[in-house]
Amino acid sequence: MTTTAAILAQFDRCADDAVFPDPDNGYYQPVDARMSLFHGAGSWAMVVELLGYVPRARRLTDVLHVFGNCLTSGEPGFGDDDFLDRVENIPDLTENGDGRTWRGGGCVRVRGRDLPLAEPAAAGTPLVDVLRSLVPTARPLFLADDRELRARLPADLPLVLQLDAWTHPTDLGDTLPGDHETFRRIAEVLATGDPRHYRPTTPPNTHWSSWPDAGTL
């Protein structure tokens, strides 16, 4: 039997091991986030995607944080195969190939598709701002498709809830997920398969603008 206590215990262990999602990560600039919750007979899984840009590595990466009691490979948290790079031509888009500033003109290439900007960006604009501007109209290209989302899950595990925004702990160093309202409610959804248990009482904070210090290391 799946219990909320067992689910929260896994979340807390992963937080202790620094493999729980942290939008305030100092090494990447946040761009987007999504949470997918799965439930089946005796089985549960949660996949949290944090899409972020690492200027020094010149990579826009969707990091899949995968949890559950039915994983088909790997351990809860993330492994090497859970880092999905998205933009294929970053060196061509930046001034001097530095990965930080937009050179002006051109299209961002994602999954083999060239994405023009809805509005022109001036040369010298931080590249992360250009990438953020593309998400509202091209989000499915940046986030995981169904195959990627289920890469470590049983193929037939039902998706019961998907969140584009939620309230995430801002002090994971001091507050474990099991002590946070959001993840206590998430655990109830995962244990029962009933999305009605997710009743947030606080405004979401997973938009990139809520984490101004992320990616500053």
C-alpha atoms as a PDB file:
ATOM      1  CA  MET A   1       0.000   0.000   0.000  1.00  0.00           C
ATOM      2  CA  THR A   2       1.249   3.475  -0.884  1.00  0.00           C
ATOM      3  CA  THR A   3       1.123   5.930   2.016  1.00  0.00           C
ATOM      4  CA  THR A   4       1.715   9.653   2.200  1.00  0.00           C
ATOM      5  CA  ALA A   5       4.312   9.017   4.905  1.00  0.00           C
ATOM      6  CA  ALA A   6       6.336   6.753   2.614  1.00  0.00           C
ATOM      7  CA  ILE A   7       6.147   9.269  -0.232  1.00  0.00           C
ATOM      8  CA  LEU A   8       7.217  12.171   1.958  1.00  0.00           C
ATOM      9  CA  ALA A   9      10.035  10.078   3.411  1.00  0.00           C
ATOM     10  CA  GLN A  10      11.422   9.563  -0.097  1.00  0.00           C
ATOM     11  CA  PHE A  11      11.151  13.292  -0.823  1.00  0.00           C
ATOM     12  CA  ASP A  12      12.992  14.103   2.400  1.00  0.00           C
ATOM     13  CA  ARG A  13      15.779  11.601   1.709  1.00  0.00           C
ATOM     14  CA  CYS A  14      16.274  13.114  -1.723  1.00  0.00           C
ATOM     15  CA  ALA A  15      16.369  16.616  -0.244  1.00  0.00           C
ATOM     16  CA  ASP A  16      19.060  15.445   2.202  1.00  0.00           C
ATOM     17  CA  ASP A  17      20.986  14.016  -0.754  1.00  0.00           C
ATOM     18  CA  ALA A  18      20.619  17.293  -2.728  1.00  0.00           C
ATOM     19  CA  VAL A  19      18.694  15.629  -5.590  1.00  0.00           C
ATOM     20  CA  PHE A  20      15.319  17.251  -4.874  1.00  0.00           C
ATOM     21  CA  PRO A  21      14.246  20.064  -7.244  1.00  0.00           C
ATOM     22  CA  ASP A  22      15.700  23.425  -6.271  1.00  0.00           C
ATOM     23  CA  PRO A  23      14.772  26.424  -8.464  1.00  0.00           C
ATOM     24  CA  ASP A  24      17.298  28.470  -6.479  1.00  0.00           C
ATOM     25  CA  ASN A  25      20.233  26.467  -7.834  1.00  0.00           C
ATOM     26  CA  GLY A  26      23.219  28.762  -8.136  1.00  0.00           C
ATOM     27  CA  TYR A  27      24.519  27.185 -11.352  1.00  0.00           C
ATOM     28  CA  TYR A  28      21.634  27.729 -13.752  1.00  0.00           C
ATOM     29  CA  GLN A  29      19.251  30.558 -14.556  1.00  0.00           C
ATOM     30  CA  PRO A  30      15.627  29.359 -14.301  1.00  0.00           C
ATOM     31  CA  VAL A  31      13.497  29.488 -17.429  1.00  0.00           C
ATOM     32  CA  ASP A  32      10.452  27.270 -16.778  1.00  0.00           C
ATOM     33  CA  ALA A  33       9.124  24.471 -14.549  1.00  0.00           C
ATOM     34  CA  ARG A  34       6.485  21.748 -14.618  1.00  0.00           C
ATOM     35  CA  MET A  35       5.332  18.930 -12.325  1.00  0.00           C
ATOM     36  CA  SER A  36       3.689  15.677 -13.471  1.00  0.00           C
ATOM     37  CA  LEU A  37       2.018  13.279 -11.026  1.00  0.00           C
ATOM     38  CA  PHE A  38       1.282   9.626 -11.794  1.00  0.00           C
ATOM     39  CA  HIS A  39      -0.716   7.007  -9.890  1.00  0.00           C
ATOM     40  CA  GLY A  40      -1.652   3.385 -10.494  1.00  0.00           C
ATOM     41  CA  ALA A  41      -2.600   0.359  -8.408  1.00  0.00           C
ATOM     42  CA  GLY A  42      -0.011   0.504  -5.628  1.00  0.00           C
ATOM     43  CA  SER A  43       2.292   2.670  -7.738  1.00  0.00           C
ATOM     44  CA  TRP A  44       3.145   6.357  -7.779  1.00  0.00           C
ATOM     45  CA  ALA A  45       5.625   8.634  -9.503  1.00  0.00           C
ATOM     46  CA  MET A  46       6.388  12.340  -9.711  1.00  0.00           C
ATOM     47  CA  VAL A  47       8.486  14.076 -12.354  1.00  0.00           C
ATOM     48  CA  VAL A  48       9.514  17.683 -11.740  1.00  0.00           C
ATOM     49  CA  GLU A  49      11.108  19.495 -14.665  1.00  0.00           C
ATOM     50  CA  LEU A  50      13.347  22.495 -14.110  1.00  0.00           C
ATOM     51  CA  LEU A  51      14.332  24.134 -17.376  1.00  0.00           C
ATOM     52  CA  GLY A  52      17.394  26.293 -16.863  1.00  0.00           C
ATOM     53  CA  TYR A  53      20.239  27.965 -18.724  1.00  0.00           C
ATOM     54  CA  VAL A  54      23.917  27.543 -17.789  1.00  0.00           C
ATOM     55  CA  PRO A  55      25.894  30.317 -19.536  1.00  0.00           C
ATOM     56  CA  ARG A  56      29.327  28.882 -18.788  1.00  0.00           C
ATOM     57  CA  ALA A  57      28.338  25.561 -20.363  1.00  0.00           C
ATOM     58  CA  ARG A  58      26.245  27.237 -23.091  1.00  0.00           C
ATOM     59  CA  ARG A  59      23.423  24.794 -22.422  1.00  0.00           C
ATOM     60  CA  LEU A  60      19.686  25.175 -21.942  1.00  0.00           C
ATOM     61  CA  THR A  61      18.747  21.989 -20.110  1.00  0.00           C
ATOM     62  CA  ASP A  62      15.481  20.459 -18.958  1.00  0.00           C
ATOM     63  CA  VAL A  63      16.427  18.549 -15.798  1.00  0.00           C
ATOM     64  CA  LEU A  64      13.971  15.777 -14.948  1.00  0.00           C
ATOM     65  CA  HIS A  65      13.781  15.008 -11.223  1.00  0.00           C
ATOM     66  CA  VAL A  66      12.124  11.590 -11.045  1.00  0.00           C
ATOM     67  CA  PHE A  67      10.611  10.021  -7.919  1.00  0.00           C
ATOM     68  CA  GLY A  68       8.415   7.031  -7.218  1.00  0.00           C
ATOM     69  CA  ASN A  69       8.074   3.453  -5.970  1.00  0.00           C
ATOM     70  CA  CYS A  70       7.955   1.944  -9.459  1.00  0.00           C
ATOM     71  CA  LEU A  71      10.979   3.382 -11.270  1.00  0.00           C
ATOM     72  CA  THR A  72      12.146   1.139 -14.090  1.00  0.00           C
ATOM     73  CA  SER A  73      15.742   2.343 -13.840  1.00  0.00           C
ATOM     74  CA  GLY A  74      17.979   4.475 -11.673  1.00  0.00           C
ATOM     75  CA  GLU A  75      17.374   5.928  -8.246  1.00  0.00           C
ATOM     76  CA  PRO A  76      14.975   8.675  -7.124  1.00  0.00           C
ATOM     77  CA  GLY A  77      16.322  12.102  -8.007  1.00  0.00           C
ATOM     78  CA  PHE A  78      18.225  12.540 -11.250  1.00  0.00           C
ATOM     79  CA  GLY A  79      20.932  10.794 -13.214  1.00  0.00           C
ATOM     80  CA  ASP A  80      22.991  11.613 -16.284  1.00  0.00           C
ATOM     81  CA  ASP A  81      20.180  10.640 -18.665  1.00  0.00           C
ATOM     82  CA  ASP A  82      17.762  13.051 -16.962  1.00  0.00           C
ATOM     83  CA  PHE A  83      19.530  16.133 -18.376  1.00  0.00           C
ATOM     84  CA  LEU A  84      17.896  17.005 -21.700  1.00  0.00           C
ATOM     85  CA  ASP A  85      19.682  19.748 -23.654  1.00  0.00           C
ATOM     86  CA  ARG A  86      17.372  21.751 -25.890  1.00  0.00           C
ATOM     87  CA  VAL A  87      18.968  24.568 -27.919  1.00  0.00           C
ATOM     88  CA  GLU A  88      21.208  23.277 -30.691  1.00  0.00           C
ATOM     89  CA  ASN A  89      22.883  26.463 -31.903  1.00  0.00           C
ATOM     90  CA  ILE A  90      23.748  28.582 -28.861  1.00  0.00           C
ATOM     91  CA  PRO A  91      27.312  29.441 -30.037  1.00  0.00           C
ATOM     92  CA  ASP A  92      25.845  30.922 -33.231  1.00  0.00           C
ATOM     93  CA  LEU A  93      23.415  33.105 -31.274  1.00  0.00           C
ATOM     94  CA  THR A  94      25.742  34.814 -28.848  1.00  0.00           C
ATOM     95  CA  GLU A  95      28.324  37.564 -29.127  1.00  0.00           C
ATOM     96  CA  ASN A  96      31.776  36.023 -29.534  1.00  0.00           C
ATOM     97  CA  GLY A  97      30.173  32.663 -28.756  1.00  0.00           C
ATOM     98  CA  ASP A  98      30.347  33.517 -25.047  1.00  0.00           C
ATOM     99  CA  GLY A  99      26.939  32.018 -24.282  1.00  0.00           C
ATOM    100  CA  ARG A 100      25.754  35.054 -22.350  1.00  0.00           C
ATOM    101  CA  THR A 101      24.548  37.796 -24.691  1.00  0.00           C
ATOM    102  CA  TRP A 102      22.371  37.758 -27.799  1.00  0.00           C
ATOM    103  CA  ARG A 103      24.248  38.867 -30.909  1.00  0.00           C
ATOM    104  CA  GLY A 104      21.057  40.044 -32.651  1.00  0.00           C
ATOM    105  CA  GLY A 105      19.146  38.301 -35.422  1.00  0.00           C
ATOM    106  CA  GLY A 106      18.869  34.615 -36.110  1.00  0.00           C
ATOM    107  CA  CYS A 107      16.574  31.899 -34.809  1.00  0.00           C
ATOM    108  CA  VAL A 108      16.839  29.610 -31.820  1.00  0.00           C
ATOM    109  CA  ARG A 109      16.951  25.975 -32.961  1.00  0.00           C
ATOM    110  CA  VAL A 110      15.116  23.473 -30.755  1.00  0.00           C
ATOM    111  CA  ARG A 111      14.497  19.846 -31.752  1.00  0.00           C
ATOM    112  CA  GLY A 112      15.519  20.701 -35.289  1.00  0.00           C
ATOM    113  CA  ARG A 113      13.082  23.619 -35.580  1.00  0.00           C
ATOM    114  CA  ASP A 114      14.131  27.260 -35.998  1.00  0.00           C
ATOM    115  CA  LEU A 115      12.089  29.460 -33.675  1.00  0.00           C
ATOM    116  CA  PRO A 116      11.907  33.147 -34.645  1.00  0.00           C
ATOM    117  CA  LEU A 117      11.414  35.704 -31.902  1.00  0.00           C
ATOM    118  CA  ALA A 118       7.943  37.193 -31.571  1.00  0.00           C
ATOM    119  CA  GLU A 119       9.629  40.563 -30.981  1.00  0.00           C
ATOM    120  CA  PRO A 120      13.201  41.483 -31.998  1.00  0.00           C
ATOM    121  CA  ALA A 121      15.794  41.532 -29.223  1.00  0.00           C
ATOM    122  CA  ALA A 122      18.627  44.055 -29.298  1.00  0.00           C
ATOM    123  CA  ALA A 123      22.197  42.836 -29.539  1.00  0.00           C
ATOM    124  CA  GLY A 124      23.635  42.546 -26.042  1.00  0.00           C
ATOM    125  CA  THR A 125      20.378  41.301 -24.488  1.00  0.00           C
ATOM    126  CA  PRO A 126      21.076  38.514 -21.988  1.00  0.00           C
ATOM    127  CA  LEU A 127      20.525  35.277 -23.860  1.00  0.00           C
ATOM    128  CA  VAL A 128      18.478  33.846 -21.012  1.00  0.00           C
ATOM    129  CA  ASP A 129      15.934  36.649 -21.532  1.00  0.00           C
ATOM    130  CA  VAL A 130      15.635  35.704 -25.198  1.00  0.00           C
ATOM    131  CA  LEU A 131      15.092  32.060 -24.271  1.00  0.00           C
ATOM    132  CA  ARG A 132      12.485  32.972 -21.672  1.00  0.00           C
ATOM    133  CA  SER A 133      10.593  34.993 -24.266  1.00  0.00           C
ATOM    134  CA  LEU A 134      10.160  31.890 -26.444  1.00  0.00           C
ATOM    135  CA  VAL A 135       8.619  29.665 -23.780  1.00  0.00           C
ATOM    136  CA  PRO A 136       5.039  31.012 -23.887  1.00  0.00           C
ATOM    137  CA  THR A 137       4.584  30.063 -27.552  1.00  0.00           C
ATOM    138  CA  ALA A 138       6.944  27.081 -27.872  1.00  0.00           C
ATOM    139  CA  ARG A 139       6.737  25.447 -24.448  1.00  0.00           C
ATOM    140  CA  PRO A 140       6.098  21.869 -25.669  1.00  0.00           C
ATOM    141  CA  LEU A 141       9.399  21.951 -27.558  1.00  0.00           C
ATOM    142  CA  PHE A 142      11.379  22.913 -24.476  1.00  0.00           C
ATOM    143  CA  LEU A 143       9.743  20.592 -21.942  1.00  0.00           C
ATOM    144  CA  ALA A 144       9.658  16.806 -22.025  1.00  0.00           C
ATOM    145  CA  ASP A 145       7.446  14.957 -24.463  1.00  0.00           C
ATOM    146  CA  ASP A 146       5.582  11.866 -23.262  1.00  0.00           C
ATOM    147  CA  ARG A 147       8.414   9.495 -24.161  1.00  0.00           C
ATOM    148  CA  GLU A 148      10.979  11.569 -22.281  1.00  0.00           C
ATOM    149  CA  LEU A 149       8.657  12.104 -19.331  1.00  0.00           C
ATOM    150  CA  ARG A 150       8.102   8.356 -18.924  1.00  0.00           C
ATOM    151  CA  ALA A 151      11.657   7.227 -19.682  1.00  0.00           C
ATOM    152  CA  ARG A 152      12.061   5.820 -16.163  1.00  0.00           C
ATOM    153  CA  LEU A 153       8.391   4.995 -15.480  1.00  0.00           C
ATOM    154  CA  PRO A 154       6.076   2.142 -16.449  1.00  0.00           C
ATOM    155  CA  ALA A 155       4.631   3.042 -19.842  1.00  0.00           C
ATOM    156  CA  ASP A 156       1.030   2.553 -18.726  1.00  0.00           C
ATOM    157  CA  LEU A 157       1.165   4.456 -15.428  1.00  0.00           C
ATOM    158  CA  PRO A 158      -1.724   6.973 -15.540  1.00  0.00           C
ATOM    159  CA  LEU A 159      -1.010  10.698 -15.378  1.00  0.00           C
ATOM    160  CA  VAL A 160      -3.423  12.136 -12.787  1.00  0.00           C
ATOM    161  CA  LEU A 161      -2.302  15.769 -12.476  1.00  0.00           C
ATOM    162  CA  GLN A 162       0.086  18.161 -14.194  1.00  0.00           C
ATOM    163  CA  LEU A 163       1.020  21.518 -12.679  1.00  0.00           C
ATOM    164  CA  ASP A 164       2.532  24.434 -14.560  1.00  0.00           C
ATOM    165  CA  ALA A 165       3.061  26.388 -11.333  1.00  0.00           C
ATOM    166  CA  TRP A 166       3.075  25.683  -7.593  1.00  0.00           C
ATOM    167  CA  THR A 167       4.514  26.976  -4.310  1.00  0.00           C
ATOM    168  CA  HIS A 168       7.995  25.541  -3.860  1.00  0.00           C
ATOM    169  CA  PRO A 169      10.046  25.694  -0.653  1.00  0.00           C
ATOM    170  CA  THR A 170      12.400  28.664  -0.718  1.00  0.00           C
ATOM    171  CA  ASP A 171      14.685  27.308   2.008  1.00  0.00           C
ATOM    172  CA  LEU A 172      15.334  23.652   1.185  1.00  0.00           C
ATOM    173  CA  GLY A 173      18.421  23.810   3.348  1.00  0.00           C
ATOM    174  CA  ASP A 174      16.202  24.299   6.388  1.00  0.00           C
ATOM    175  CA  THR A 175      12.738  23.032   5.366  1.00  0.00           C
ATOM    176  CA  LEU A 176      12.251  19.464   4.187  1.00  0.00           C
ATOM    177  CA  PRO A 177       9.558  18.757   1.580  1.00  0.00           C
ATOM    178  CA  GLY A 178       7.684  16.697   4.159  1.00  0.00           C
ATOM    179  CA  ASP A 179       7.232  19.839   6.269  1.00  0.00           C
ATOM    180  CA  HIS A 180       5.959  21.923   3.346  1.00  0.00           C
ATOM    181  CA  GLU A 181       2.248  22.285   2.596  1.00  0.00           C
ATOM    182  CA  THR A 182       2.625  21.846  -1.158  1.00  0.00           C
ATOM    183  CA  PHE A 183       4.363  18.501  -0.996  1.00  0.00           C
ATOM    184  CA  ARG A 184       2.162  17.193   1.772  1.00  0.00           C
ATOM    185  CA  ARG A 185      -0.804  17.796  -0.529  1.00  0.00           C
ATOM    186  CA  ILE A 186       1.100  16.374  -3.487  1.00  0.00           C
ATOM    187  CA  ALA A 187       1.768  13.225  -1.465  1.00  0.00           C
ATOM    188  CA  GLU A 188      -1.965  12.820  -0.866  1.00  0.00           C
ATOM    189  CA  VAL A 189      -2.604  13.014  -4.610  1.00  0.00           C
ATOM    190  CA  LEU A 190       0.121  10.467  -5.285  1.00  0.00           C
ATOM    191  CA  ALA A 191      -1.118   8.088  -2.581  1.00  0.00           C
ATOM    192  CA  THR A 192      -4.752   8.174  -3.663  1.00  0.00           C
ATOM    193  CA  GLY A 193      -4.723   9.119  -7.331  1.00  0.00           C
ATOM    194  CA  ASP A 194      -7.280  11.831  -6.540  1.00  0.00           C
ATOM    195  CA  PRO A 195      -6.184  15.268  -7.823  1.00  0.00           C
ATOM    196  CA  ARG A 196      -8.789  16.949  -5.611  1.00  0.00           C
ATOM    197  CA  HIS A 197      -6.371  16.611  -2.697  1.00  0.00           C
ATOM    198  CA  TYR A 198      -4.259  19.322  -4.276  1.00  0.00           C
ATOM    199  CA  ARG A 199      -5.823  22.495  -2.879  1.00  0.00           C
ATOM    200  CA  PRO A 200      -3.146  25.186  -2.730  1.00  0.00           C
ATOM    201  CA  THR A 201      -3.604  28.018  -0.245  1.00  0.00           C
ATOM    202  CA  THR A 202      -0.580  30.109  -1.253  1.00  0.00           C
ATOM    203  CA  PRO A 203       0.319  31.756  -4.568  1.00  0.00           C
ATOM    204  CA  PRO A 204       2.755  29.901  -6.856  1.00  0.00           C
ATOM    205  CA  ASN A 205       6.400  30.923  -6.951  1.00  0.00           C
ATOM    206  CA  THR A 206       7.898  28.697  -9.657  1.00  0.00           C
ATOM    207  CA  HIS A 207       8.033  31.442 -12.295  1.00  0.00           C
ATOM    208  CA  TRP A 208      11.660  32.339 -13.020  1.00  0.00           C
ATOM    209  CA  SER A 209      11.134  35.880 -11.707  1.00  0.00           C
ATOM    210  CA  SER A 210      10.678  34.513  -8.170  1.00  0.00           C
ATOM    211  CA  TRP A 211      14.299  33.322  -8.049  1.00  0.00           C
ATOM    212  CA  PRO A 212      16.491  36.373  -8.817  1.00  0.00           C
ATOM    213  CA  ASP A 213      19.614  34.909  -7.185  1.00  0.00           C
ATOM    214  CA  ALA A 214      19.531  31.612  -9.094  1.00  0.00           C
ATOM    215  CA  GLY A 215      22.347  31.087 -11.562  1.00  0.00           C
ATOM    216  CA  THR A 216      24.617  33.726 -10.069  1.00  0.00           C
ATOM    217  CA  LEU A 217      27.524  31.450  -9.110  1.00  0.00           C
END
